[in-house]
Structures are given as C-alpha cells and as structure tokens.
N, C-alpha and C. Protein backbone atom coordinates (compact mmCIF):
# COMPACT_ATOMS: atom_id res chain seq x y z
N UNK A 1 73.26 125.54 152.83
CA UNK A 1 73.34 126.53 152.06
C UNK A 1 74.24 126.41 150.91
N UNK A 2 74.07 126.96 149.39
CA UNK A 2 75.07 126.95 148.53
C UNK A 2 75.57 128.12 148.51
N UNK A 3 76.84 128.42 148.12
CA UNK A 3 77.63 129.47 148.05
C UNK A 3 78.06 129.71 146.28
N UNK A 4 77.87 130.55 146.03
CA UNK A 4 78.27 130.90 144.29
C UNK A 4 79.89 131.38 144.59
N UNK A 5 80.63 130.44 143.94
CA UNK A 5 82.05 130.80 143.89
C UNK A 5 82.41 131.73 143.04
N UNK A 6 83.43 132.71 143.49
CA UNK A 6 83.45 134.00 142.53
C UNK A 6 84.53 133.49 141.20
N UNK A 7 85.49 132.24 141.42
CA UNK A 7 85.89 131.67 140.22
C UNK A 7 86.67 132.76 139.16
N UNK A 8 87.43 133.37 139.64
CA UNK A 8 88.23 134.49 138.70
C UNK A 8 89.10 133.86 137.84
N UNK A 9 89.27 134.45 136.88
CA UNK A 9 90.27 134.18 135.72
C UNK A 9 91.61 134.22 136.23
N UNK A 10 92.59 133.48 135.79
CA UNK A 10 94.01 133.40 136.21
C UNK A 10 94.43 135.00 135.87
N UNK A 11 94.37 135.51 134.87
CA UNK A 11 94.85 136.98 134.66
C UNK A 11 94.56 138.02 135.64
N UNK A 12 93.38 137.60 136.47
CA UNK A 12 92.59 138.58 137.21
C UNK A 12 93.17 138.30 138.60
N UNK A 13 93.83 137.37 138.96
CA UNK A 13 94.53 137.19 140.19
C UNK A 13 95.84 137.42 140.41
N UNK A 14 96.66 137.47 139.07
CA UNK A 14 97.91 137.42 139.03
C UNK A 14 98.53 138.75 139.48
N UNK A 15 97.87 139.89 138.95
CA UNK A 15 98.54 141.13 139.57
C UNK A 15 98.58 141.33 141.13
N UNK A 16 97.49 140.51 141.66
CA UNK A 16 97.56 140.72 143.00
C UNK A 16 98.47 140.05 143.89
N UNK A 17 98.53 138.58 143.44
CA UNK A 17 99.77 137.78 143.91
C UNK A 17 101.19 138.44 143.71
N UNK A 18 101.22 139.01 142.50
CA UNK A 18 102.55 139.56 142.22
C UNK A 18 102.92 140.51 143.16
N UNK A 19 102.05 141.30 143.87
CA UNK A 19 102.46 142.20 144.81
C UNK A 19 103.08 141.32 146.20
N UNK A 20 102.46 140.06 146.40
CA UNK A 20 103.14 139.36 147.27
C UNK A 20 104.35 138.37 146.93
N UNK A 21 104.80 138.75 145.60
CA UNK A 21 106.09 137.77 145.15
C UNK A 21 105.51 136.42 144.98
N UNK A 22 104.20 136.20 144.68
CA UNK A 22 103.80 134.83 144.38
C UNK A 22 103.14 134.62 143.23
N UNK A 23 102.95 133.65 142.23
CA UNK A 23 102.22 133.31 141.17
C UNK A 23 101.36 132.32 141.69
N UNK A 24 100.17 132.08 140.68
CA UNK A 24 99.11 131.40 140.93
C UNK A 24 99.29 129.69 141.30
N UNK A 25 100.09 129.24 140.63
CA UNK A 25 100.73 127.83 140.91
C UNK A 25 101.13 127.65 142.35
N UNK A 26 101.93 128.91 142.81
CA UNK A 26 102.46 128.70 144.09
C UNK A 26 101.25 128.27 145.06
N UNK A 27 100.14 128.43 144.97
CA UNK A 27 99.00 128.59 145.66
C UNK A 27 98.20 127.00 145.22
N UNK A 28 98.00 127.23 143.72
CA UNK A 28 97.00 125.90 143.30
C UNK A 28 97.64 124.70 143.32
N UNK A 29 98.68 124.41 143.04
CA UNK A 29 99.47 123.30 143.09
C UNK A 29 99.50 122.94 144.50
N UNK A 30 99.64 123.37 145.74
CA UNK A 30 99.52 122.75 146.90
C UNK A 30 98.05 122.53 147.21
N UNK A 31 97.13 123.33 146.91
CA UNK A 31 95.63 122.87 147.11
C UNK A 31 95.34 121.29 146.40
N UNK A 32 95.91 121.32 145.01
CA UNK A 32 95.80 120.22 144.35
C UNK A 32 96.19 119.01 145.23
N UNK A 33 97.34 119.05 145.82
CA UNK A 33 98.27 118.17 146.39
C UNK A 33 97.41 117.70 147.63
N UNK A 34 97.07 118.37 148.25
CA UNK A 34 96.32 118.31 149.40
C UNK A 34 94.87 117.56 149.10
N UNK A 35 94.23 117.84 148.19
CA UNK A 35 92.97 116.92 147.74
C UNK A 35 93.24 115.85 147.32
N UNK A 36 94.17 115.83 146.67
CA UNK A 36 94.73 114.23 146.04
C UNK A 36 95.07 113.43 147.11
N UNK A 37 95.92 114.09 148.04
CA UNK A 37 96.24 113.11 149.02
C UNK A 37 95.15 112.59 149.69
N UNK A 38 93.96 113.37 150.09
CA UNK A 38 92.58 112.70 150.54
C UNK A 38 92.37 111.59 150.15
N UNK A 39 92.52 111.25 148.90
CA UNK A 39 91.92 109.92 148.08
C UNK A 39 92.69 108.98 148.52
N UNK A 40 93.79 109.05 149.22
CA UNK A 40 94.43 107.61 149.53
C UNK A 40 94.00 107.17 150.93
N UNK A 41 92.92 107.90 151.62
CA UNK A 41 92.41 107.29 152.65
C UNK A 41 91.20 106.16 152.47
N UNK A 42 91.37 105.11 152.83
CA UNK A 42 90.14 103.93 152.88
C UNK A 42 89.62 104.02 154.16
N UNK A 43 88.67 102.96 154.14
CA UNK A 43 87.64 102.83 155.29
C UNK A 43 88.35 102.29 156.20
N UNK A 44 89.88 101.52 156.18
CA UNK A 44 90.31 101.08 157.24
C UNK A 44 91.49 101.95 157.84
N UNK A 45 91.50 103.19 157.33
CA UNK A 45 92.56 103.96 157.98
C UNK A 45 91.86 104.65 158.95
N UNK A 46 92.42 105.55 160.20
CA UNK A 46 91.95 106.17 161.18
C UNK A 46 91.17 107.13 160.46
N UNK A 47 90.19 107.68 161.33
CA UNK A 47 89.17 108.58 160.66
C UNK A 47 90.05 109.81 160.36
N UNK A 48 91.04 110.26 161.04
CA UNK A 48 92.03 111.54 160.85
C UNK A 48 92.77 111.50 159.72
N UNK A 49 93.18 110.31 159.15
CA UNK A 49 93.97 110.18 158.34
C UNK A 49 94.00 111.18 157.09
N UNK A 50 92.75 111.15 156.58
CA UNK A 50 92.66 111.96 155.26
C UNK A 50 92.90 113.42 155.59
N UNK A 51 92.64 113.93 156.59
CA UNK A 51 92.68 115.55 157.07
C UNK A 51 94.42 115.54 157.40
N UNK A 52 94.97 114.70 157.90
CA UNK A 52 96.42 114.77 158.18
C UNK A 52 97.08 114.94 156.84
N UNK A 53 96.63 113.91 155.99
CA UNK A 53 97.39 113.77 154.57
C UNK A 53 97.18 115.12 153.90
N UNK A 54 95.79 115.59 153.76
CA UNK A 54 95.65 116.82 153.18
C UNK A 54 96.59 117.87 153.69
N UNK A 55 96.46 118.32 154.98
CA UNK A 55 97.22 119.27 155.50
C UNK A 55 98.70 119.30 155.08
N UNK A 56 99.02 118.06 155.36
CA UNK A 56 100.55 117.77 155.24
C UNK A 56 100.86 118.10 154.12
N UNK A 57 100.30 117.48 152.99
CA UNK A 57 100.76 117.54 151.53
C UNK A 57 100.59 118.84 151.15
N UNK A 58 99.74 119.68 151.59
CA UNK A 58 99.41 121.04 151.37
C UNK A 58 100.52 121.95 151.83
N UNK A 59 100.92 121.70 152.79
CA UNK A 59 102.06 122.53 153.57
C UNK A 59 103.54 122.09 152.67
N UNK A 60 103.57 120.99 152.77
CA UNK A 60 104.91 120.48 151.84
C UNK A 60 104.95 120.89 150.62
N UNK A 61 103.97 121.13 149.89
CA UNK A 61 104.00 121.45 148.20
C UNK A 61 104.24 122.90 148.22
N UNK A 62 103.34 123.78 149.36
CA UNK A 62 103.73 125.09 149.27
C UNK A 62 105.08 125.58 149.50
N UNK A 63 105.77 124.91 150.67
CA UNK A 63 107.13 124.89 150.76
C UNK A 63 108.30 124.29 149.53
N UNK A 64 107.96 123.56 148.80
CA UNK A 64 108.56 122.70 147.76
C UNK A 64 108.45 123.72 146.97
N UNK A 65 107.60 124.65 146.50
CA UNK A 65 107.74 125.63 145.46
C UNK A 65 108.28 126.99 145.82
N UNK A 66 108.34 127.31 147.07
CA UNK A 66 108.65 128.42 147.46
C UNK A 66 109.98 128.53 148.08
N UNK A 67 110.40 127.66 148.73
CA UNK A 67 111.78 127.48 149.39
C UNK A 67 112.90 127.51 148.32
N UNK A 68 112.66 126.99 147.24
CA UNK A 68 113.76 127.06 146.40
C UNK A 68 113.90 128.45 145.63
N UNK A 69 113.24 129.16 146.22
CA UNK A 69 113.13 130.84 145.83
C UNK A 69 113.45 131.57 147.10
N UNK A 70 114.21 130.87 147.95
CA UNK A 70 114.75 131.64 149.07
C UNK A 70 113.59 131.89 150.26
N UNK A 71 112.38 131.48 150.02
CA UNK A 71 111.40 131.42 151.38
C UNK A 71 111.98 130.56 152.06
N UNK A 72 111.29 130.35 153.38
CA UNK A 72 111.78 129.65 154.47
C UNK A 72 110.57 129.05 155.19
N UNK A 73 111.11 127.71 155.69
CA UNK A 73 110.05 127.01 156.39
C UNK A 73 110.25 127.21 157.73
N UNK A 74 109.05 127.42 158.52
CA UNK A 74 109.07 127.72 159.92
C UNK A 74 108.10 127.05 160.89
N UNK A 75 108.27 126.98 161.87
CA UNK A 75 107.17 126.40 162.77
C UNK A 75 106.98 127.07 164.05
N UNK A 76 105.76 127.58 164.38
CA UNK A 76 105.67 128.28 165.78
C UNK A 76 105.03 127.52 166.40
N UNK A 77 105.25 126.48 167.52
CA UNK A 77 104.43 125.89 168.46
C UNK A 77 103.32 125.24 167.76
N UNK A 78 103.59 124.35 166.75
CA UNK A 78 102.70 123.82 165.71
C UNK A 78 101.98 124.38 164.66
N UNK A 79 102.19 125.74 164.35
CA UNK A 79 101.71 126.49 163.35
C UNK A 79 102.64 126.37 162.35
N UNK A 80 102.40 125.67 161.06
CA UNK A 80 103.51 125.62 160.22
C UNK A 80 103.46 126.97 159.31
N UNK A 81 104.60 127.34 158.97
CA UNK A 81 104.47 128.69 158.32
C UNK A 81 105.64 128.67 157.33
N UNK A 82 105.33 129.45 156.00
CA UNK A 82 106.27 129.46 154.83
C UNK A 82 106.59 131.09 155.02
N UNK A 83 107.73 131.48 154.94
CA UNK A 83 108.18 132.77 155.41
C UNK A 83 109.05 133.70 154.21
N UNK A 84 108.18 134.49 153.73
CA UNK A 84 108.98 135.32 152.71
C UNK A 84 110.61 135.69 153.05
N UNK A 85 111.41 135.66 151.95
CA UNK A 85 112.90 135.71 152.18
C UNK A 85 113.26 137.37 152.87
N UNK A 86 112.08 138.47 152.63
CA UNK A 86 112.72 139.59 153.17
C UNK A 86 111.60 139.78 154.39
N UNK A 87 110.93 138.87 154.69
CA UNK A 87 109.88 139.02 155.87
C UNK A 87 108.88 139.53 155.56
N UNK A 88 108.56 139.83 154.36
CA UNK A 88 107.07 140.70 153.83
C UNK A 88 106.00 140.22 154.18
N UNK A 89 105.99 138.71 154.37
CA UNK A 89 104.93 138.19 154.74
C UNK A 89 105.14 136.75 155.04
N UNK A 90 104.20 136.14 155.62
CA UNK A 90 104.41 134.75 155.99
C UNK A 90 102.84 133.95 155.38
N UNK A 91 102.83 132.69 155.13
CA UNK A 91 101.85 131.80 154.75
C UNK A 91 101.44 130.69 155.64
N UNK A 92 100.27 130.74 156.07
CA UNK A 92 99.71 129.33 156.77
C UNK A 92 98.37 128.88 156.09
N UNK A 93 98.11 127.76 156.43
CA UNK A 93 96.98 127.22 155.73
C UNK A 93 96.02 126.53 156.54
N UNK A 94 94.66 126.66 156.35
CA UNK A 94 93.78 126.21 157.00
C UNK A 94 92.34 125.57 156.51
N UNK A 95 91.56 125.02 156.79
CA UNK A 95 90.00 124.55 156.14
C UNK A 95 89.40 125.60 156.44
N UNK A 96 88.47 126.26 155.52
CA UNK A 96 87.65 127.28 155.44
C UNK A 96 86.40 126.78 155.39
N UNK A 97 85.28 127.74 155.88
CA UNK A 97 83.84 127.37 155.95
C UNK A 97 83.39 127.62 154.45
N UNK A 98 81.96 127.35 154.31
CA UNK A 98 81.48 127.27 152.93
C UNK A 98 81.56 128.72 152.11
N UNK A 99 81.76 129.67 152.89
CA UNK A 99 82.24 130.87 152.22
C UNK A 99 83.39 131.20 151.20
N UNK A 100 84.48 130.18 151.74
CA UNK A 100 85.59 130.47 150.98
C UNK A 100 85.40 130.52 149.36
N UNK A 101 86.28 131.26 149.06
CA UNK A 101 86.28 131.54 147.57
C UNK A 101 84.74 132.22 146.88
N UNK A 102 84.34 132.64 147.82
CA UNK A 102 82.86 133.59 147.64
C UNK A 102 83.02 134.93 148.06
N UNK A 103 82.04 135.63 147.88
CA UNK A 103 81.54 136.78 148.22
C UNK A 103 80.94 136.88 149.66
N UNK A 104 80.79 135.89 150.04
CA UNK A 104 80.30 135.83 151.46
C UNK A 104 81.20 135.50 152.38
N UNK A 105 80.71 135.67 153.72
CA UNK A 105 81.61 135.64 154.88
C UNK A 105 82.14 134.11 155.02
N UNK A 106 83.50 134.46 155.70
CA UNK A 106 84.32 133.09 155.66
C UNK A 106 85.02 133.04 156.93
N UNK A 107 85.03 131.87 157.77
CA UNK A 107 85.67 131.78 158.90
C UNK A 107 86.59 130.50 158.88
N UNK A 108 87.64 130.18 159.64
CA UNK A 108 88.06 129.00 159.90
C UNK A 108 87.30 127.92 160.12
N UNK A 109 87.23 126.64 159.96
CA UNK A 109 86.38 125.70 160.07
C UNK A 109 86.67 125.27 161.35
N UNK A 110 87.71 125.14 161.80
CA UNK A 110 88.01 124.57 163.30
C UNK A 110 88.79 126.01 163.90
N UNK A 111 88.49 125.84 165.39
CA UNK A 111 89.14 126.89 166.25
C UNK A 111 90.66 126.78 166.22
N UNK A 112 91.30 127.98 166.39
CA UNK A 112 92.61 128.00 166.35
C UNK A 112 93.20 128.13 167.78
N UNK A 113 94.20 127.94 168.02
CA UNK A 113 95.04 128.10 169.46
C UNK A 113 95.55 129.49 169.75
N UNK A 114 96.26 129.70 170.64
CA UNK A 114 96.88 130.98 171.09
C UNK A 114 98.02 131.44 170.10
N UNK A 115 98.71 130.41 169.50
CA UNK A 115 99.61 131.04 168.63
C UNK A 115 99.10 132.01 167.36
N UNK A 116 98.14 131.25 166.68
CA UNK A 116 97.32 131.89 165.86
C UNK A 116 96.53 133.44 166.22
N UNK A 117 96.33 133.25 167.43
CA UNK A 117 95.54 134.44 168.08
C UNK A 117 96.71 135.50 168.10
N UNK A 118 97.88 135.40 168.40
CA UNK A 118 99.26 135.97 168.55
C UNK A 118 99.24 136.69 167.19
N UNK A 119 99.31 135.73 165.88
CA UNK A 119 99.67 136.00 164.47
C UNK A 119 98.53 136.85 164.20
N UNK A 120 97.32 136.88 164.43
CA UNK A 120 96.23 137.77 164.01
C UNK A 120 96.47 139.01 164.70
N UNK A 121 96.79 138.95 165.74
CA UNK A 121 96.88 140.43 166.61
C UNK A 121 97.98 141.31 166.00
N UNK A 122 99.21 140.59 165.53
CA UNK A 122 99.98 141.19 164.56
C UNK A 122 99.75 141.74 163.49
N UNK A 123 98.82 140.99 162.58
CA UNK A 123 98.22 141.65 161.65
C UNK A 123 97.61 142.69 162.03
N UNK A 124 96.52 142.71 162.76
CA UNK A 124 95.83 143.90 163.04
C UNK A 124 96.72 145.25 163.47
N UNK A 125 97.78 145.12 164.27
CA UNK A 125 98.51 146.14 164.77
C UNK A 125 99.44 146.84 163.52
N UNK A 126 99.67 145.93 162.47
CA UNK A 126 100.49 146.46 161.49
C UNK A 126 99.48 147.49 160.51
N UNK A 127 98.30 147.15 160.48
CA UNK A 127 97.20 148.35 159.81
C UNK A 127 97.77 148.50 158.55
N UNK A 128 98.13 147.38 157.68
CA UNK A 128 98.48 147.42 156.32
C UNK A 128 97.63 148.08 155.50
N UNK A 129 98.02 148.73 154.58
CA UNK A 129 97.31 148.99 153.28
C UNK A 129 97.29 148.02 152.36
N UNK A 130 96.00 147.80 151.58
CA UNK A 130 95.89 146.87 150.49
C UNK A 130 96.75 146.85 149.42
N UNK A 131 97.93 147.85 149.47
CA UNK A 131 98.88 147.77 148.23
C UNK A 131 100.03 147.01 148.94
N UNK A 132 100.00 146.32 149.97
CA UNK A 132 100.79 145.04 150.52
C UNK A 132 102.49 145.92 150.24
N UNK A 133 102.33 146.91 151.13
CA UNK A 133 103.71 147.57 151.58
C UNK A 133 104.34 146.89 152.27
N UNK A 134 105.68 146.92 152.27
CA UNK A 134 106.54 146.07 153.17
C UNK A 134 106.49 146.89 154.34
N UNK A 135 106.59 146.03 155.24
CA UNK A 135 106.78 146.56 156.75
C UNK A 135 107.91 147.40 156.97
N UNK A 136 108.01 148.05 157.92
CA UNK A 136 108.97 148.99 157.97
C UNK A 136 110.16 147.85 158.72
N UNK A 137 111.50 148.51 158.53
CA UNK A 137 112.43 147.19 158.84
C UNK A 137 112.27 146.49 160.05
N UNK A 138 112.10 147.42 161.35
CA UNK A 138 111.85 147.02 162.59
C UNK A 138 110.90 146.10 162.93
N UNK A 139 110.04 146.09 161.92
CA UNK A 139 108.78 145.16 162.15
C UNK A 139 108.94 143.67 161.28
N UNK A 140 110.01 143.87 160.41
CA UNK A 140 110.13 142.53 159.35
C UNK A 140 110.08 141.09 160.16
N UNK A 141 111.08 141.04 161.45
CA UNK A 141 110.98 139.68 161.98
C UNK A 141 109.91 139.72 162.83
N UNK A 142 109.98 140.63 163.55
CA UNK A 142 108.97 140.47 165.01
C UNK A 142 107.50 140.46 164.63
N UNK A 143 107.36 141.31 163.52
CA UNK A 143 105.79 141.52 163.10
C UNK A 143 105.54 141.42 161.51
N UNK A 144 105.59 139.83 161.14
CA UNK A 144 105.30 139.67 159.77
C UNK A 144 103.94 139.39 159.76
N UNK A 145 103.31 140.25 158.48
CA UNK A 145 101.79 139.76 158.39
C UNK A 145 101.75 138.30 157.78
N UNK A 146 100.69 137.70 158.53
CA UNK A 146 100.69 136.20 157.73
C UNK A 146 99.27 136.00 157.34
N UNK A 147 99.52 135.44 156.07
CA UNK A 147 98.17 135.26 154.97
C UNK A 147 97.77 133.89 155.42
N UNK A 148 96.67 133.43 155.23
CA UNK A 148 95.98 132.01 155.42
C UNK A 148 95.64 131.57 154.07
N UNK A 149 96.05 130.47 153.53
CA UNK A 149 95.61 130.06 152.43
C UNK A 149 94.34 128.82 152.84
N UNK A 150 93.08 129.47 152.53
CA UNK A 150 91.94 128.94 153.05
C UNK A 150 91.37 127.95 151.93
N UNK A 151 91.37 126.74 152.24
CA UNK A 151 90.77 125.70 151.17
C UNK A 151 89.07 124.92 151.62
N UNK A 152 88.14 124.84 150.99
CA UNK A 152 87.04 124.24 151.20
C UNK A 152 86.63 123.20 149.90
N UNK A 153 86.23 122.17 150.21
CA UNK A 153 86.00 121.03 149.34
C UNK A 153 84.23 120.85 149.43
N UNK A 154 83.47 121.18 148.79
CA UNK A 154 82.18 120.98 148.62
C UNK A 154 81.77 120.41 147.41
N UNK A 155 80.86 118.97 147.35
CA UNK A 155 80.62 118.59 146.05
C UNK A 155 81.66 118.54 145.10
N UNK A 156 81.72 118.86 143.77
CA UNK A 156 82.64 118.80 142.77
C UNK A 156 83.71 119.89 142.80
N UNK A 157 83.53 120.85 143.73
CA UNK A 157 84.31 122.20 143.85
C UNK A 157 85.24 122.17 144.73
N UNK A 158 86.42 122.50 144.56
CA UNK A 158 87.46 123.10 145.45
C UNK A 158 87.75 124.64 145.43
N UNK A 159 87.18 125.02 146.36
CA UNK A 159 87.04 126.61 146.40
C UNK A 159 88.34 126.82 147.42
N UNK A 160 89.09 127.98 147.19
CA UNK A 160 90.29 128.52 147.92
C UNK A 160 90.43 129.75 147.65
N UNK A 161 91.15 130.32 148.59
CA UNK A 161 91.56 131.61 148.69
C UNK A 161 92.51 132.24 149.35
N UNK A 162 93.59 132.95 149.32
CA UNK A 162 94.68 133.75 150.00
C UNK A 162 94.18 134.83 150.83
N UNK A 163 94.05 134.97 152.01
CA UNK A 163 93.36 136.22 152.83
C UNK A 163 94.19 136.29 154.27
N UNK A 164 94.28 137.67 154.18
CA UNK A 164 95.13 138.27 155.42
C UNK A 164 94.14 138.43 156.65
N UNK A 165 94.38 137.70 157.59
CA UNK A 165 93.55 137.48 159.04
C UNK A 165 93.45 138.96 159.69
N UNK A 166 92.47 139.55 160.40
CA UNK A 166 92.51 140.59 161.00
C UNK A 166 91.75 140.46 162.40
N UNK A 167 91.04 139.52 162.67
CA UNK A 167 90.39 139.25 163.87
C UNK A 167 90.12 137.58 164.30
N UNK A 168 90.40 137.29 165.52
CA UNK A 168 89.55 135.98 165.99
C UNK A 168 89.03 135.89 166.86
N UNK A 169 88.17 135.60 166.87
CA UNK A 169 86.99 135.64 167.86
C UNK A 169 87.17 134.84 169.31
N UNK A 170 86.21 135.14 170.20
CA UNK A 170 86.57 134.34 171.46
C UNK A 170 86.81 132.72 171.40
N UNK A 171 85.90 132.33 170.51
CA UNK A 171 85.97 130.81 170.18
C UNK A 171 87.16 130.47 169.72
N UNK A 172 88.19 131.22 168.95
CA UNK A 172 89.31 130.82 168.39
C UNK A 172 89.15 130.85 166.81
N UNK A 173 87.91 131.20 166.29
CA UNK A 173 88.04 131.11 164.74
C UNK A 173 88.28 132.71 163.97
N UNK A 174 89.12 132.55 163.22
CA UNK A 174 89.58 133.46 162.63
C UNK A 174 88.24 133.90 161.63
N UNK A 175 87.46 135.27 162.12
CA UNK A 175 86.32 135.49 161.10
C UNK A 175 86.44 136.93 160.44
N UNK A 176 87.39 137.75 160.48
CA UNK A 176 87.62 138.95 159.77
C UNK A 176 88.76 139.18 159.01
N UNK A 177 88.74 139.61 157.94
CA UNK A 177 90.11 139.62 156.97
C UNK A 177 90.14 141.14 156.56
N UNK A 178 91.47 141.65 156.64
CA UNK A 178 92.19 142.60 155.73
C UNK A 178 91.53 142.87 154.60
N UNK A 179 91.82 141.50 153.76
CA UNK A 179 92.02 141.33 152.30
C UNK A 179 91.48 139.94 152.01
N UNK A 180 90.97 139.70 151.01
CA UNK A 180 90.88 138.13 150.38
C UNK A 180 90.86 138.19 149.10
N UNK A 181 92.02 137.27 148.65
CA UNK A 181 92.08 136.89 147.12
C UNK A 181 91.46 135.61 146.86
N UNK A 182 90.30 135.69 146.26
CA UNK A 182 89.82 134.58 145.80
C UNK A 182 90.57 133.78 144.48
N UNK A 183 90.70 132.36 144.56
CA UNK A 183 91.49 131.76 143.66
C UNK A 183 90.63 131.11 142.61
N UNK A 184 90.92 130.91 141.44
CA UNK A 184 90.17 130.07 140.56
C UNK A 184 89.75 128.67 141.13
N UNK A 185 88.59 128.03 140.81
CA UNK A 185 87.96 126.67 141.37
C UNK A 185 88.51 125.74 140.78
N UNK A 186 88.87 124.75 141.26
CA UNK A 186 89.16 123.29 140.80
C UNK A 186 88.21 122.40 140.84
N UNK A 187 87.87 121.78 139.86
CA UNK A 187 87.04 120.56 139.75
C UNK A 187 87.34 119.36 139.94
N UNK A 188 86.80 118.78 140.99
CA UNK A 188 87.17 117.23 141.20
C UNK A 188 87.27 116.41 140.11
N UNK A 189 86.27 116.37 139.37
CA UNK A 189 86.24 115.65 137.91
C UNK A 189 87.56 116.00 136.88
N UNK A 190 87.75 116.96 137.07
CA UNK A 190 88.92 117.56 136.27
C UNK A 190 90.29 117.20 136.97
N UNK A 191 90.30 117.28 138.23
CA UNK A 191 91.56 116.84 138.85
C UNK A 191 91.86 115.29 139.24
N UNK A 192 91.09 114.47 139.81
CA UNK A 192 91.19 113.22 140.13
C UNK A 192 90.79 112.20 139.04
N UNK A 193 91.62 111.09 139.39
CA UNK A 193 91.21 109.96 138.07
C UNK A 193 90.11 109.24 139.07
N UNK A 194 89.78 108.00 138.32
CA UNK A 194 88.85 107.08 139.08
C UNK A 194 89.30 106.38 140.17
N UNK A 195 90.41 106.27 140.38
CA UNK A 195 90.91 105.25 141.60
C UNK A 195 90.78 105.91 142.82
N UNK A 196 90.67 105.07 143.88
CA UNK A 196 90.36 105.18 145.43
C UNK A 196 88.96 105.82 145.49
N UNK A 197 88.44 106.16 146.79
CA UNK A 197 87.21 106.24 147.51
C UNK A 197 86.63 107.52 146.49
N UNK A 198 85.31 107.46 146.37
CA UNK A 198 84.60 108.54 145.90
C UNK A 198 84.56 109.71 146.75
N UNK A 199 84.46 109.34 147.80
CA UNK A 199 84.17 110.76 148.86
C UNK A 199 85.31 110.37 150.10
N UNK A 200 85.86 111.38 150.62
CA UNK A 200 86.66 111.45 151.71
C UNK A 200 86.04 111.10 153.11
N UNK A 201 86.54 110.44 154.06
CA UNK A 201 85.78 110.39 155.13
C UNK A 201 85.42 111.67 155.75
N UNK A 202 84.36 111.39 156.42
CA UNK A 202 83.41 112.70 157.06
C UNK A 202 84.42 113.50 157.88
N UNK A 203 85.52 113.15 158.07
CA UNK A 203 86.36 114.25 159.01
C UNK A 203 87.56 114.98 158.25
N UNK A 204 87.06 114.94 156.77
CA UNK A 204 88.22 115.58 155.82
C UNK A 204 88.66 116.88 156.07
N UNK A 205 87.79 117.66 156.95
CA UNK A 205 88.12 119.28 157.00
C UNK A 205 89.00 119.50 158.39
N UNK A 206 89.85 118.44 158.72
CA UNK A 206 90.70 118.10 159.76
C UNK A 206 91.75 119.28 159.53
N UNK A 207 91.98 119.92 160.59
CA UNK A 207 93.22 120.86 160.88
C UNK A 207 94.04 120.54 161.76
N UNK A 208 95.56 120.73 161.38
CA UNK A 208 96.35 120.33 162.21
C UNK A 208 96.35 120.98 163.71
N UNK A 209 96.41 120.50 165.09
CA UNK A 209 95.90 121.38 166.12
C UNK A 209 97.33 121.95 166.44
N UNK A 210 96.89 123.17 167.05
CA UNK A 210 98.20 123.96 167.83
C UNK A 210 98.76 123.26 169.25
N UNK A 211 100.01 123.15 169.33
CA UNK A 211 100.37 122.62 170.72
C UNK A 211 100.13 123.72 171.81
C-alpha cells in the first residue's frame, strides 16, 4: 500500500522545531548520513551491515550537530540518546513503518525493549502540552520527554518525522504519539550518486537491539 507523503516546506517545519531548540538540518543531515551509509554495503557484507551502518551514522551525525551546542550523548542500556542541555528533551532514532512522514498511522518497524518501554511511560506521565513547555525542574533529569526520529525508505523516497511517543503495545512497538512533526521528503536520486549498489540489502530496516 502506498502512502502519500506530507512533504512540508522547510518554513512550515521551522517554527515547530524551534520550540525544541532544533533546526531542520539538525535532523535531515543525520537522515541523509544514514541513507548514504547504507550504500556502502555490498553483496559480500553481512546482511545486517547496511542496517548497522545506517543507524550508527544517523546517531553520530545527530550528535555531531548537537553536541557542539551543549547537547550531550547518552546511552541507556543500548538505547542511544542525544539530550538537550537543560533536560528539556532527548532524541532517539528508529526505523518507522510506511506511514512515516504521512498522515497515516505509523509504528516503529521493529519491536523495542524494556528501556524504550520505560521511556515511553515517562512521556505519557508528563502529559506534555503541544507547546512543548519545559518540564518542572524536579522532572528534568528523571523524567525527560524523548522524541523519536523515525526514518522510512521506500522506492525513491526517504520519509522522516520527529515524533513524541505516547504508547508502546504489548509486542514492543511504539504505536501512538503525542505529536508528530513530518520532515521534508528526501529523494534518493537527488541525494546519492551512481556509485555503489542500486538497492540496499533486504534487512535495511535494521534497528539496533536493546540490551
């Protein structure tokens, strides 16, 4: 089933991201880095290689852009986070289903572990308003809202969104969101040159497992 991307203009997204102390390139550069990293996989690499490369470069590029602005890198039992300097929010990243970047429902493509379950539970407890108000001081460290940078590659489209998780189902998939911020669509033909394999291996939806 094909889903129609929202594909907002940058000026439509910028005010929503500004409330989170983010600009569009803070997110699109990591998405591009991950997709480009997939292209380094050949038929002779392990099947999971492209997924590991995508995830790793996405996380690294996100931190490369934000840590110089006093954000910090953290890892909670296998979940890689990038944390706002005042504890206003944290960002993790995952592969999303076909609804990513569209008006349709979206879930994480792979089930998550107990750590993500705790993270999503914190988001639900905070009952944040959509104005992204800063949590009370007592909540900033112990209860930081965590947003998910979701990415989905289908055909020539790379769709992505930054979304605040609200619920994780009994099978470990994040399936409900407080808010979703769709990002402009990236076209593979505009992003990638002609070198490397035309298609990533079949497991390119790989997410790093939680320990």
